[in-house]
């Protein structure tokens, strides 16, 4: 029998408060707000597919990985869906944000505002150069918004697309968004048949 999780009644969390949480609990800390995400199967599968698309050409000393916490500051420890991070942090959790070459969030219905606004500001302030947001929640195609810092503190939108996206920055990457759309639709159709 599993005991119910009892969290302190707090409005403003810090990373020090996280030490008291169960070690296997998935959480994010965004601007002092504790979030306990519950991703769907579709969300998790899309994250894994993105990791696989990021592996070819990944620079030596880096690796794409799913679901890693990033240490940013006392009020922010996000847990992006995919991070291309430096291997020197392979045995650390949370991973220091300075090791993140690329961060990708997969939007869920409950995270859209957070991923598009709060996390965008947090990642930009932390110096993450490349932030991509993959949105499978809208009707139609899965879309990806590509944000990049160009010497300043905030992001500029490079593109928003539902097509095959290829870039040389931060390294040669191709993301097949139509394939992600087809996969999402296949999983959702199976759900409707059940």
N, C-alpha and C. Protein backbone atom coordinates (compact mmCIF):
# COMPACT_ATOMS: atom_id res chain seq x y z
N UNK A 1 0.84 -1.16 0.00
CA UNK A 1 0.00 0.00 0.00
C UNK A 1 0.89 1.24 0.00
N UNK A 2 0.56 2.20 -0.84
CA UNK A 2 1.34 3.43 -0.94
C UNK A 2 0.66 4.53 -0.15
N UNK A 3 1.43 5.21 0.66
CA UNK A 3 0.89 6.33 1.44
C UNK A 3 0.71 7.54 0.53
N UNK A 4 -0.30 8.34 0.82
CA UNK A 4 -0.53 9.56 0.05
C UNK A 4 0.60 10.55 0.32
N UNK A 5 0.98 11.26 -0.70
CA UNK A 5 2.03 12.25 -0.59
C UNK A 5 1.47 13.50 0.09
N UNK A 6 2.08 13.91 1.16
CA UNK A 6 1.69 15.12 1.89
C UNK A 6 2.75 16.18 1.65
N UNK A 7 2.38 17.22 0.92
CA UNK A 7 3.31 18.31 0.65
C UNK A 7 3.03 19.46 1.59
N UNK A 8 4.07 20.17 2.01
CA UNK A 8 3.85 21.36 2.83
C UNK A 8 3.00 22.39 2.07
N UNK A 9 2.20 23.13 2.81
CA UNK A 9 1.37 24.18 2.20
C UNK A 9 2.23 25.42 2.02
N UNK A 10 2.90 25.49 0.85
CA UNK A 10 3.82 26.59 0.57
C UNK A 10 3.42 27.24 -0.75
N UNK A 11 3.65 28.52 -0.85
CA UNK A 11 3.40 29.26 -2.08
C UNK A 11 4.69 29.56 -2.83
N UNK A 12 5.81 29.61 -2.12
CA UNK A 12 7.08 29.99 -2.73
C UNK A 12 8.15 28.98 -2.33
N UNK A 13 8.43 28.05 -3.23
CA UNK A 13 9.40 26.99 -2.99
C UNK A 13 10.79 27.43 -3.44
N UNK A 14 11.81 26.83 -2.84
CA UNK A 14 13.20 27.00 -3.28
C UNK A 14 13.80 25.61 -3.48
N UNK A 15 14.97 25.56 -4.09
CA UNK A 15 15.63 24.27 -4.28
C UNK A 15 15.95 23.61 -2.94
N UNK A 16 16.15 24.39 -1.89
CA UNK A 16 16.39 23.81 -0.57
C UNK A 16 15.18 23.01 -0.10
N UNK A 17 13.97 23.46 -0.43
CA UNK A 17 12.75 22.76 -0.05
C UNK A 17 12.61 21.42 -0.77
N UNK A 18 13.22 21.29 -1.95
CA UNK A 18 13.09 20.08 -2.74
C UNK A 18 13.78 18.89 -2.09
N UNK A 19 14.75 19.14 -1.23
CA UNK A 19 15.49 18.05 -0.57
C UNK A 19 14.57 17.17 0.26
N UNK A 20 13.45 17.71 0.72
CA UNK A 20 12.52 16.93 1.53
C UNK A 20 11.53 16.11 0.74
N UNK A 21 11.56 16.21 -0.60
CA UNK A 21 10.64 15.46 -1.43
C UNK A 21 11.16 14.04 -1.66
N UNK A 22 10.26 13.08 -1.91
CA UNK A 22 10.72 11.72 -2.22
C UNK A 22 11.64 11.73 -3.43
N UNK A 23 12.72 10.94 -3.41
CA UNK A 23 13.71 10.99 -4.49
C UNK A 23 13.18 10.55 -5.85
N UNK A 24 12.12 9.77 -5.90
CA UNK A 24 11.59 9.31 -7.19
C UNK A 24 10.43 10.16 -7.71
N UNK A 25 10.17 11.27 -7.05
CA UNK A 25 9.07 12.15 -7.45
C UNK A 25 9.50 13.05 -8.60
N UNK A 26 8.72 13.04 -9.69
CA UNK A 26 8.99 13.96 -10.81
C UNK A 26 8.39 15.32 -10.47
N UNK A 27 9.21 16.33 -10.54
CA UNK A 27 8.75 17.68 -10.21
C UNK A 27 9.51 18.68 -11.06
N UNK A 28 8.97 19.89 -11.09
CA UNK A 28 9.65 21.05 -11.65
C UNK A 28 9.45 22.19 -10.68
N UNK A 29 10.42 23.07 -10.64
CA UNK A 29 10.31 24.29 -9.85
C UNK A 29 10.49 25.46 -10.82
N UNK A 30 9.40 26.22 -11.02
CA UNK A 30 9.42 27.35 -11.96
C UNK A 30 8.98 28.60 -11.21
N UNK A 31 9.90 29.55 -11.09
CA UNK A 31 9.62 30.81 -10.39
C UNK A 31 9.04 30.57 -8.99
N UNK A 32 9.59 29.58 -8.29
CA UNK A 32 9.16 29.29 -6.93
C UNK A 32 7.88 28.47 -6.83
N UNK A 33 7.35 28.04 -7.95
CA UNK A 33 6.11 27.26 -7.97
C UNK A 33 6.44 25.79 -8.21
N UNK A 34 6.02 24.92 -7.30
CA UNK A 34 6.25 23.49 -7.45
C UNK A 34 5.20 22.90 -8.39
N UNK A 35 5.66 22.19 -9.40
CA UNK A 35 4.78 21.57 -10.39
C UNK A 35 5.08 20.08 -10.40
N UNK A 36 4.02 19.28 -10.34
CA UNK A 36 4.15 17.83 -10.39
C UNK A 36 3.54 17.35 -11.71
N UNK A 37 4.34 17.28 -12.79
CA UNK A 37 3.80 16.94 -14.10
C UNK A 37 3.37 15.48 -14.17
N UNK A 38 2.35 15.23 -14.97
CA UNK A 38 1.88 13.87 -15.23
C UNK A 38 1.71 13.71 -16.74
N UNK A 39 2.82 13.49 -17.45
CA UNK A 39 2.77 13.43 -18.91
C UNK A 39 2.00 12.20 -19.41
N UNK A 40 1.39 12.36 -20.59
CA UNK A 40 0.69 11.25 -21.23
C UNK A 40 1.68 10.38 -21.99
N UNK A 41 1.19 9.23 -22.44
CA UNK A 41 2.01 8.33 -23.25
C UNK A 41 2.44 9.04 -24.53
N UNK A 42 1.53 9.74 -25.20
CA UNK A 42 1.88 10.45 -26.43
C UNK A 42 2.99 11.45 -26.17
N UNK A 43 2.88 12.20 -25.09
CA UNK A 43 3.89 13.19 -24.71
C UNK A 43 5.26 12.53 -24.53
N UNK A 44 5.30 11.42 -23.80
CA UNK A 44 6.56 10.74 -23.54
C UNK A 44 7.17 10.14 -24.82
N UNK A 45 6.32 9.54 -25.66
CA UNK A 45 6.82 8.95 -26.91
C UNK A 45 7.40 10.02 -27.83
N UNK A 46 6.73 11.17 -27.92
CA UNK A 46 7.27 12.25 -28.75
C UNK A 46 8.63 12.72 -28.22
N UNK A 47 8.79 12.77 -26.91
CA UNK A 47 10.08 13.13 -26.33
C UNK A 47 11.17 12.15 -26.71
N UNK A 48 10.86 10.86 -26.66
CA UNK A 48 11.84 9.84 -27.05
C UNK A 48 12.19 9.97 -28.53
N UNK A 49 11.19 10.18 -29.38
CA UNK A 49 11.45 10.35 -30.81
C UNK A 49 12.35 11.55 -31.08
N UNK A 50 12.13 12.63 -30.34
CA UNK A 50 13.00 13.81 -30.48
C UNK A 50 14.44 13.48 -30.10
N UNK A 51 14.61 12.73 -29.01
CA UNK A 51 15.97 12.32 -28.61
C UNK A 51 16.63 11.55 -29.75
N UNK A 52 15.90 10.63 -30.36
CA UNK A 52 16.47 9.84 -31.46
C UNK A 52 16.82 10.71 -32.66
N UNK A 53 16.01 11.73 -32.95
CA UNK A 53 16.31 12.63 -34.07
C UNK A 53 17.50 13.53 -33.78
N UNK A 54 17.78 13.78 -32.51
CA UNK A 54 18.90 14.64 -32.12
C UNK A 54 20.23 13.89 -32.05
N UNK A 55 20.20 12.56 -32.01
CA UNK A 55 21.44 11.78 -31.83
C UNK A 55 22.41 11.87 -33.00
N UNK A 56 21.93 11.73 -34.26
CA UNK A 56 22.91 11.83 -35.35
C UNK A 56 23.56 13.22 -35.35
N UNK A 57 24.84 13.24 -35.54
CA UNK A 57 25.62 14.48 -35.61
C UNK A 57 25.81 15.20 -34.28
N UNK A 58 25.29 14.65 -33.19
CA UNK A 58 25.49 15.32 -31.90
C UNK A 58 26.98 15.44 -31.63
N UNK A 59 27.45 16.63 -31.27
CA UNK A 59 28.89 16.83 -31.09
C UNK A 59 29.47 15.91 -30.01
N UNK A 60 30.69 15.53 -30.23
CA UNK A 60 31.42 14.72 -29.26
C UNK A 60 31.41 15.43 -27.90
N UNK A 61 31.15 14.68 -26.86
CA UNK A 61 31.11 15.24 -25.52
C UNK A 61 29.72 15.70 -25.10
N UNK A 62 28.73 15.56 -25.98
CA UNK A 62 27.34 15.92 -25.67
C UNK A 62 26.43 14.75 -25.97
N UNK A 63 25.26 14.76 -25.35
CA UNK A 63 24.28 13.69 -25.58
C UNK A 63 22.87 14.24 -25.38
N UNK A 64 21.92 13.87 -26.26
CA UNK A 64 20.54 14.23 -26.01
C UNK A 64 19.93 13.24 -25.01
N UNK A 65 19.17 13.75 -24.07
CA UNK A 65 18.58 12.89 -23.04
C UNK A 65 17.18 13.41 -22.69
N UNK A 66 16.30 12.49 -22.33
CA UNK A 66 14.96 12.90 -21.92
C UNK A 66 14.89 13.19 -20.42
N UNK A 67 13.99 14.12 -20.06
CA UNK A 67 13.52 14.23 -18.68
C UNK A 67 14.62 14.44 -17.64
N UNK A 68 15.46 15.46 -17.84
CA UNK A 68 16.51 15.78 -16.87
C UNK A 68 16.20 17.11 -16.19
N UNK A 69 16.40 17.17 -14.89
CA UNK A 69 16.26 18.44 -14.17
C UNK A 69 17.48 19.31 -14.42
N UNK A 70 17.24 20.61 -14.57
CA UNK A 70 18.31 21.58 -14.77
C UNK A 70 18.41 22.48 -13.54
N UNK A 71 19.61 22.60 -13.01
CA UNK A 71 19.86 23.49 -11.88
C UNK A 71 20.11 24.89 -12.42
N UNK A 72 19.19 25.81 -12.09
CA UNK A 72 19.33 27.18 -12.59
C UNK A 72 19.63 28.14 -11.44
N UNK A 73 18.70 28.22 -10.49
CA UNK A 73 18.91 29.09 -9.32
C UNK A 73 18.01 28.61 -8.18
N UNK A 74 17.93 29.36 -7.11
CA UNK A 74 17.18 28.92 -5.92
C UNK A 74 15.69 28.73 -6.17
N UNK A 75 15.12 29.40 -7.17
CA UNK A 75 13.68 29.34 -7.41
C UNK A 75 13.31 28.62 -8.71
N UNK A 76 14.33 28.08 -9.40
CA UNK A 76 14.06 27.44 -10.68
C UNK A 76 14.89 26.17 -10.87
N UNK A 77 14.17 25.07 -11.00
CA UNK A 77 14.77 23.80 -11.37
C UNK A 77 13.80 23.09 -12.33
N UNK A 78 13.77 23.56 -13.60
CA UNK A 78 12.85 22.95 -14.56
C UNK A 78 13.30 21.55 -14.94
N UNK A 79 12.37 20.80 -15.51
CA UNK A 79 12.64 19.43 -15.96
C UNK A 79 12.19 19.33 -17.42
N UNK A 80 13.01 19.85 -18.36
CA UNK A 80 12.60 19.83 -19.76
C UNK A 80 12.45 18.40 -20.28
N UNK A 81 11.64 18.28 -21.33
CA UNK A 81 11.39 16.96 -21.90
C UNK A 81 12.63 16.39 -22.58
N UNK A 82 13.44 17.26 -23.18
CA UNK A 82 14.68 16.83 -23.85
C UNK A 82 15.74 17.90 -23.63
N UNK A 83 16.96 17.45 -23.32
CA UNK A 83 18.11 18.34 -23.17
C UNK A 83 19.29 17.72 -23.90
N UNK A 84 19.99 18.52 -24.69
CA UNK A 84 21.29 18.10 -25.21
C UNK A 84 22.30 18.68 -24.23
N UNK A 85 22.95 17.79 -23.48
CA UNK A 85 23.80 18.24 -22.39
C UNK A 85 25.21 17.68 -22.49
N UNK A 86 26.10 18.31 -21.78
CA UNK A 86 27.50 17.92 -21.73
C UNK A 86 27.65 16.62 -20.94
N UNK A 87 28.43 15.70 -21.48
CA UNK A 87 28.64 14.40 -20.82
C UNK A 87 29.34 14.52 -19.47
N UNK A 88 30.02 15.63 -19.22
CA UNK A 88 30.72 15.76 -17.94
C UNK A 88 29.74 15.75 -16.77
N UNK A 89 28.43 15.93 -17.07
CA UNK A 89 27.42 15.90 -16.02
C UNK A 89 26.62 14.60 -16.02
N UNK A 90 27.17 13.55 -16.61
CA UNK A 90 26.44 12.29 -16.78
C UNK A 90 25.97 11.68 -15.46
N UNK A 91 26.65 11.90 -14.38
CA UNK A 91 26.29 11.29 -13.10
C UNK A 91 25.70 12.29 -12.12
N UNK A 92 25.29 13.47 -12.60
CA UNK A 92 24.77 14.50 -11.69
C UNK A 92 23.29 14.76 -11.94
N UNK A 93 22.60 15.04 -10.86
CA UNK A 93 21.23 15.50 -10.95
C UNK A 93 20.98 16.46 -9.80
N UNK A 94 20.46 17.62 -10.07
CA UNK A 94 20.14 18.15 -11.38
C UNK A 94 21.41 18.53 -12.15
N UNK A 95 21.26 18.62 -13.48
CA UNK A 95 22.36 19.00 -14.35
C UNK A 95 22.51 20.52 -14.33
N UNK A 96 23.72 21.04 -14.15
CA UNK A 96 23.89 22.50 -14.21
C UNK A 96 23.47 23.03 -15.58
N UNK A 97 22.75 24.12 -15.58
CA UNK A 97 22.19 24.67 -16.82
C UNK A 97 23.28 25.05 -17.81
N UNK A 98 24.49 25.36 -17.34
CA UNK A 98 25.55 25.74 -18.29
C UNK A 98 25.97 24.59 -19.19
N UNK A 99 25.56 23.37 -18.85
CA UNK A 99 25.85 22.21 -19.70
C UNK A 99 24.82 21.97 -20.77
N UNK A 100 23.73 22.75 -20.79
CA UNK A 100 22.65 22.54 -21.75
C UNK A 100 22.91 23.30 -23.05
N UNK A 101 23.14 22.56 -24.12
CA UNK A 101 23.34 23.16 -25.44
C UNK A 101 21.99 23.49 -26.09
N UNK A 102 21.00 22.64 -25.84
CA UNK A 102 19.67 22.79 -26.43
C UNK A 102 18.65 22.23 -25.45
N UNK A 103 17.54 22.96 -25.28
CA UNK A 103 16.44 22.52 -24.43
C UNK A 103 15.19 22.45 -25.29
N UNK A 104 14.45 21.34 -25.16
CA UNK A 104 13.18 21.19 -25.88
C UNK A 104 12.08 20.83 -24.88
N UNK A 105 10.98 21.55 -24.98
CA UNK A 105 9.78 21.23 -24.21
C UNK A 105 8.72 20.72 -25.16
N UNK A 106 8.04 19.64 -24.77
CA UNK A 106 6.88 19.15 -25.49
C UNK A 106 5.67 19.63 -24.71
N UNK A 107 4.84 20.42 -25.36
CA UNK A 107 3.70 21.04 -24.71
C UNK A 107 2.63 19.99 -24.40
N UNK A 108 2.04 20.11 -23.22
CA UNK A 108 0.85 19.33 -22.89
C UNK A 108 -0.27 20.34 -22.63
N UNK A 109 -1.52 19.88 -22.61
CA UNK A 109 -2.62 20.85 -22.42
C UNK A 109 -2.47 21.69 -21.16
N UNK A 110 -1.86 21.14 -20.11
CA UNK A 110 -1.72 21.89 -18.86
C UNK A 110 -0.45 22.72 -18.79
N UNK A 111 0.45 22.60 -19.78
CA UNK A 111 1.74 23.30 -19.69
C UNK A 111 1.94 24.37 -20.75
N UNK A 112 0.95 24.60 -21.59
CA UNK A 112 1.16 25.50 -22.73
C UNK A 112 1.62 26.90 -22.32
N UNK A 113 0.91 27.54 -21.41
CA UNK A 113 1.32 28.89 -20.98
C UNK A 113 2.68 28.86 -20.30
N UNK A 114 2.91 27.85 -19.47
CA UNK A 114 4.17 27.75 -18.75
C UNK A 114 5.34 27.56 -19.73
N UNK A 115 5.18 26.67 -20.72
CA UNK A 115 6.25 26.41 -21.68
C UNK A 115 6.51 27.60 -22.59
N UNK A 116 5.45 28.29 -22.99
CA UNK A 116 5.58 29.41 -23.92
C UNK A 116 6.02 30.71 -23.24
N UNK A 117 5.72 30.86 -21.97
CA UNK A 117 6.00 32.13 -21.29
C UNK A 117 7.00 31.99 -20.15
N UNK A 118 6.58 31.35 -19.06
CA UNK A 118 7.42 31.30 -17.86
C UNK A 118 8.76 30.61 -18.13
N UNK A 119 8.72 29.45 -18.76
CA UNK A 119 9.97 28.73 -19.01
C UNK A 119 10.83 29.46 -20.03
N UNK A 120 10.21 30.10 -20.99
CA UNK A 120 10.98 30.87 -21.97
C UNK A 120 11.81 31.93 -21.26
N UNK A 121 11.19 32.65 -20.34
CA UNK A 121 11.91 33.69 -19.59
C UNK A 121 12.99 33.09 -18.71
N UNK A 122 12.70 31.98 -18.06
CA UNK A 122 13.67 31.33 -17.16
C UNK A 122 14.89 30.84 -17.95
N UNK A 123 14.66 30.14 -19.07
CA UNK A 123 15.77 29.62 -19.87
C UNK A 123 16.60 30.75 -20.47
N UNK A 124 15.96 31.79 -20.95
CA UNK A 124 16.70 32.92 -21.54
C UNK A 124 17.57 33.59 -20.49
N UNK A 125 17.00 33.84 -19.30
CA UNK A 125 17.77 34.48 -18.22
C UNK A 125 18.93 33.61 -17.77
N UNK A 126 18.77 32.28 -17.88
CA UNK A 126 19.83 31.35 -17.47
C UNK A 126 20.91 31.19 -18.53
N UNK A 127 20.71 31.77 -19.71
CA UNK A 127 21.73 31.71 -20.75
C UNK A 127 21.61 30.54 -21.71
N UNK A 128 20.49 29.80 -21.69
CA UNK A 128 20.30 28.71 -22.65
C UNK A 128 20.15 29.34 -24.03
N UNK A 129 21.06 29.02 -24.93
CA UNK A 129 21.08 29.67 -26.25
C UNK A 129 19.96 29.19 -27.17
N UNK A 130 19.58 27.92 -27.07
CA UNK A 130 18.62 27.33 -28.00
C UNK A 130 17.49 26.67 -27.22
N UNK A 131 16.26 27.16 -27.47
CA UNK A 131 15.07 26.63 -26.82
C UNK A 131 14.02 26.36 -27.90
N UNK A 132 13.58 25.10 -27.98
CA UNK A 132 12.58 24.71 -28.97
C UNK A 132 11.34 24.22 -28.23
N UNK A 133 10.18 24.58 -28.75
CA UNK A 133 8.91 24.18 -28.14
C UNK A 133 8.12 23.40 -29.18
N UNK A 134 7.87 22.12 -28.88
CA UNK A 134 7.12 21.24 -29.77
C UNK A 134 5.70 21.15 -29.22
N UNK A 135 4.71 21.48 -30.07
CA UNK A 135 3.32 21.52 -29.62
C UNK A 135 2.46 20.52 -30.38
N UNK A 136 2.14 19.39 -29.71
CA UNK A 136 1.25 18.40 -30.33
C UNK A 136 -0.20 18.55 -29.89
N UNK A 137 -0.53 19.62 -29.15
CA UNK A 137 -1.84 19.71 -28.51
C UNK A 137 -2.91 20.35 -29.38
N UNK A 138 -2.53 21.03 -30.44
CA UNK A 138 -3.52 21.72 -31.26
C UNK A 138 -4.03 20.78 -32.35
N UNK A 139 -5.24 21.06 -32.85
CA UNK A 139 -5.75 20.29 -33.99
C UNK A 139 -4.85 20.55 -35.19
N UNK A 140 -4.66 19.54 -35.98
CA UNK A 140 -3.80 19.69 -37.15
C UNK A 140 -2.41 19.13 -36.86
N UNK A 141 -1.42 19.77 -37.42
CA UNK A 141 -0.05 19.25 -37.37
C UNK A 141 0.66 19.60 -36.06
N UNK A 142 1.61 18.75 -35.68
CA UNK A 142 2.53 19.07 -34.59
C UNK A 142 3.41 20.22 -35.09
N UNK A 143 3.56 21.25 -34.27
CA UNK A 143 4.38 22.40 -34.65
C UNK A 143 5.59 22.51 -33.74
N UNK A 144 6.61 23.19 -34.23
CA UNK A 144 7.79 23.46 -33.43
C UNK A 144 8.17 24.93 -33.58
N UNK A 145 8.32 25.61 -32.45
CA UNK A 145 8.79 26.98 -32.43
C UNK A 145 10.25 26.95 -32.01
N UNK A 146 11.10 27.53 -32.82
CA UNK A 146 12.54 27.56 -32.58
C UNK A 146 12.92 28.95 -32.09
N UNK A 147 13.45 29.00 -30.87
CA UNK A 147 13.89 30.26 -30.27
C UNK A 147 15.40 30.22 -30.08
N UNK A 148 16.04 31.38 -30.27
CA UNK A 148 17.49 31.46 -30.10
C UNK A 148 17.85 32.81 -29.52
N UNK A 149 18.87 32.80 -28.67
CA UNK A 149 19.41 34.06 -28.13
C UNK A 149 20.51 34.52 -29.08
N UNK A 150 20.42 35.77 -29.49
CA UNK A 150 21.42 36.36 -30.39
C UNK A 150 22.15 37.47 -29.64
N UNK A 151 22.97 37.11 -28.68
CA UNK A 151 23.78 38.08 -27.96
C UNK A 151 23.07 38.84 -26.87
N UNK A 152 21.76 38.80 -26.82
CA UNK A 152 21.01 39.52 -25.79
C UNK A 152 20.48 38.57 -24.75
N UNK A 153 19.65 39.10 -23.88
CA UNK A 153 19.11 38.29 -22.81
C UNK A 153 17.84 37.57 -23.15
N UNK A 154 17.14 37.99 -24.22
CA UNK A 154 15.87 37.36 -24.53
C UNK A 154 15.97 36.59 -25.85
N UNK A 155 14.95 35.77 -26.10
CA UNK A 155 14.94 34.96 -27.32
C UNK A 155 14.31 35.73 -28.48
N UNK A 156 14.78 35.35 -29.67
CA UNK A 156 14.13 35.76 -30.90
C UNK A 156 13.61 34.49 -31.56
N UNK A 157 12.43 34.58 -32.15
CA UNK A 157 11.86 33.43 -32.84
C UNK A 157 12.53 33.28 -34.20
N UNK A 158 13.13 32.11 -34.43
CA UNK A 158 13.78 31.81 -35.69
C UNK A 158 12.73 31.31 -36.69
N UNK A 159 11.86 30.42 -36.23
CA UNK A 159 10.80 29.89 -37.09
C UNK A 159 9.75 29.20 -36.23
N UNK A 160 8.61 29.00 -36.83
CA UNK A 160 7.56 28.13 -36.29
C UNK A 160 7.09 27.31 -37.47
N UNK A 161 7.20 25.98 -37.38
CA UNK A 161 6.93 25.15 -38.55
C UNK A 161 6.28 23.84 -38.16
N UNK A 162 5.61 23.24 -39.13
CA UNK A 162 5.08 21.89 -38.99
C UNK A 162 5.68 20.99 -40.07
N UNK A 163 6.66 21.50 -40.79
CA UNK A 163 7.35 20.76 -41.86
C UNK A 163 8.61 20.10 -41.32
N UNK A 164 9.34 19.41 -42.17
CA UNK A 164 10.65 18.89 -41.79
C UNK A 164 11.55 20.09 -41.54
N UNK A 165 12.17 20.14 -40.37
CA UNK A 165 13.02 21.27 -40.00
C UNK A 165 14.47 20.80 -39.97
N UNK A 166 15.31 21.49 -40.74
CA UNK A 166 16.76 21.20 -40.74
C UNK A 166 17.50 22.47 -40.39
N UNK A 167 18.55 22.31 -39.60
CA UNK A 167 19.36 23.44 -39.18
C UNK A 167 20.81 23.00 -39.02
N UNK A 168 21.70 23.96 -39.01
CA UNK A 168 23.11 23.71 -38.71
C UNK A 168 23.45 24.20 -37.31
N UNK A 169 22.49 24.83 -36.64
CA UNK A 169 22.73 25.47 -35.34
C UNK A 169 21.79 24.89 -34.30
N UNK A 170 22.25 24.37 -33.19
CA UNK A 170 23.61 24.40 -32.67
C UNK A 170 24.54 23.34 -33.27
N UNK A 171 23.96 22.37 -34.03
CA UNK A 171 24.74 21.42 -34.80
C UNK A 171 23.79 20.89 -35.88
N UNK A 172 24.25 20.14 -36.86
CA UNK A 172 23.35 19.66 -37.91
C UNK A 172 22.26 18.74 -37.35
N UNK A 173 21.00 19.20 -37.45
CA UNK A 173 19.85 18.48 -36.88
C UNK A 173 18.72 18.52 -37.91
N UNK A 174 18.01 17.41 -38.02
CA UNK A 174 16.77 17.37 -38.78
C UNK A 174 15.67 16.81 -37.87
N UNK A 175 14.59 17.57 -37.75
CA UNK A 175 13.43 17.15 -36.97
C UNK A 175 12.28 16.95 -37.94
N UNK A 176 11.78 15.73 -38.02
CA UNK A 176 10.70 15.37 -38.94
C UNK A 176 9.36 15.56 -38.24
N UNK A 177 8.84 16.77 -38.32
CA UNK A 177 7.57 17.08 -37.66
C UNK A 177 6.38 16.34 -38.28
N UNK A 178 6.32 16.13 -39.61
CA UNK A 178 5.24 15.31 -40.14
C UNK A 178 5.25 13.88 -39.57
N UNK A 179 6.42 13.32 -39.32
CA UNK A 179 6.50 11.98 -38.71
C UNK A 179 5.97 12.02 -37.28
N UNK A 180 6.26 13.10 -36.55
CA UNK A 180 5.73 13.23 -35.19
C UNK A 180 4.21 13.39 -35.22
N UNK A 181 3.70 14.13 -36.20
CA UNK A 181 2.25 14.28 -36.34
C UNK A 181 1.60 12.92 -36.62
N UNK A 182 2.18 12.15 -37.53
CA UNK A 182 1.63 10.84 -37.86
C UNK A 182 1.64 9.91 -36.64
N UNK A 183 2.72 9.96 -35.88
CA UNK A 183 2.82 9.12 -34.68
C UNK A 183 1.78 9.53 -33.64
N UNK A 184 1.66 10.84 -33.41
CA UNK A 184 0.65 11.32 -32.47
C UNK A 184 -0.74 10.87 -32.91
N UNK A 185 -1.05 11.05 -34.19
CA UNK A 185 -2.37 10.70 -34.69
C UNK A 185 -2.64 9.20 -34.58
N UNK A 186 -1.62 8.39 -34.82
CA UNK A 186 -1.76 6.94 -34.69
C UNK A 186 -2.10 6.56 -33.24
N UNK A 187 -1.40 7.16 -32.28
CA UNK A 187 -1.66 6.85 -30.87
C UNK A 187 -3.03 7.35 -30.44
N UNK A 188 -3.41 8.54 -30.89
CA UNK A 188 -4.72 9.07 -30.52
C UNK A 188 -5.85 8.26 -31.15
N UNK A 189 -5.66 7.78 -32.39
CA UNK A 189 -6.67 6.94 -33.03
C UNK A 189 -6.83 5.63 -32.27
N UNK A 190 -5.74 5.06 -31.80
CA UNK A 190 -5.82 3.82 -31.02
C UNK A 190 -6.60 4.06 -29.72
N UNK A 191 -6.45 5.22 -29.16
CA UNK A 191 -7.19 5.56 -27.93
C UNK A 191 -8.69 5.62 -28.23
N UNK A 192 -9.05 6.23 -29.35
CA UNK A 192 -10.46 6.36 -29.72
C UNK A 192 -11.10 5.01 -29.99
N UNK A 193 -10.31 4.02 -30.46
CA UNK A 193 -10.84 2.70 -30.76
C UNK A 193 -11.04 1.86 -29.52
N UNK A 194 -10.34 2.20 -28.46
CA UNK A 194 -10.40 1.38 -27.23
C UNK A 194 -11.73 1.54 -26.52
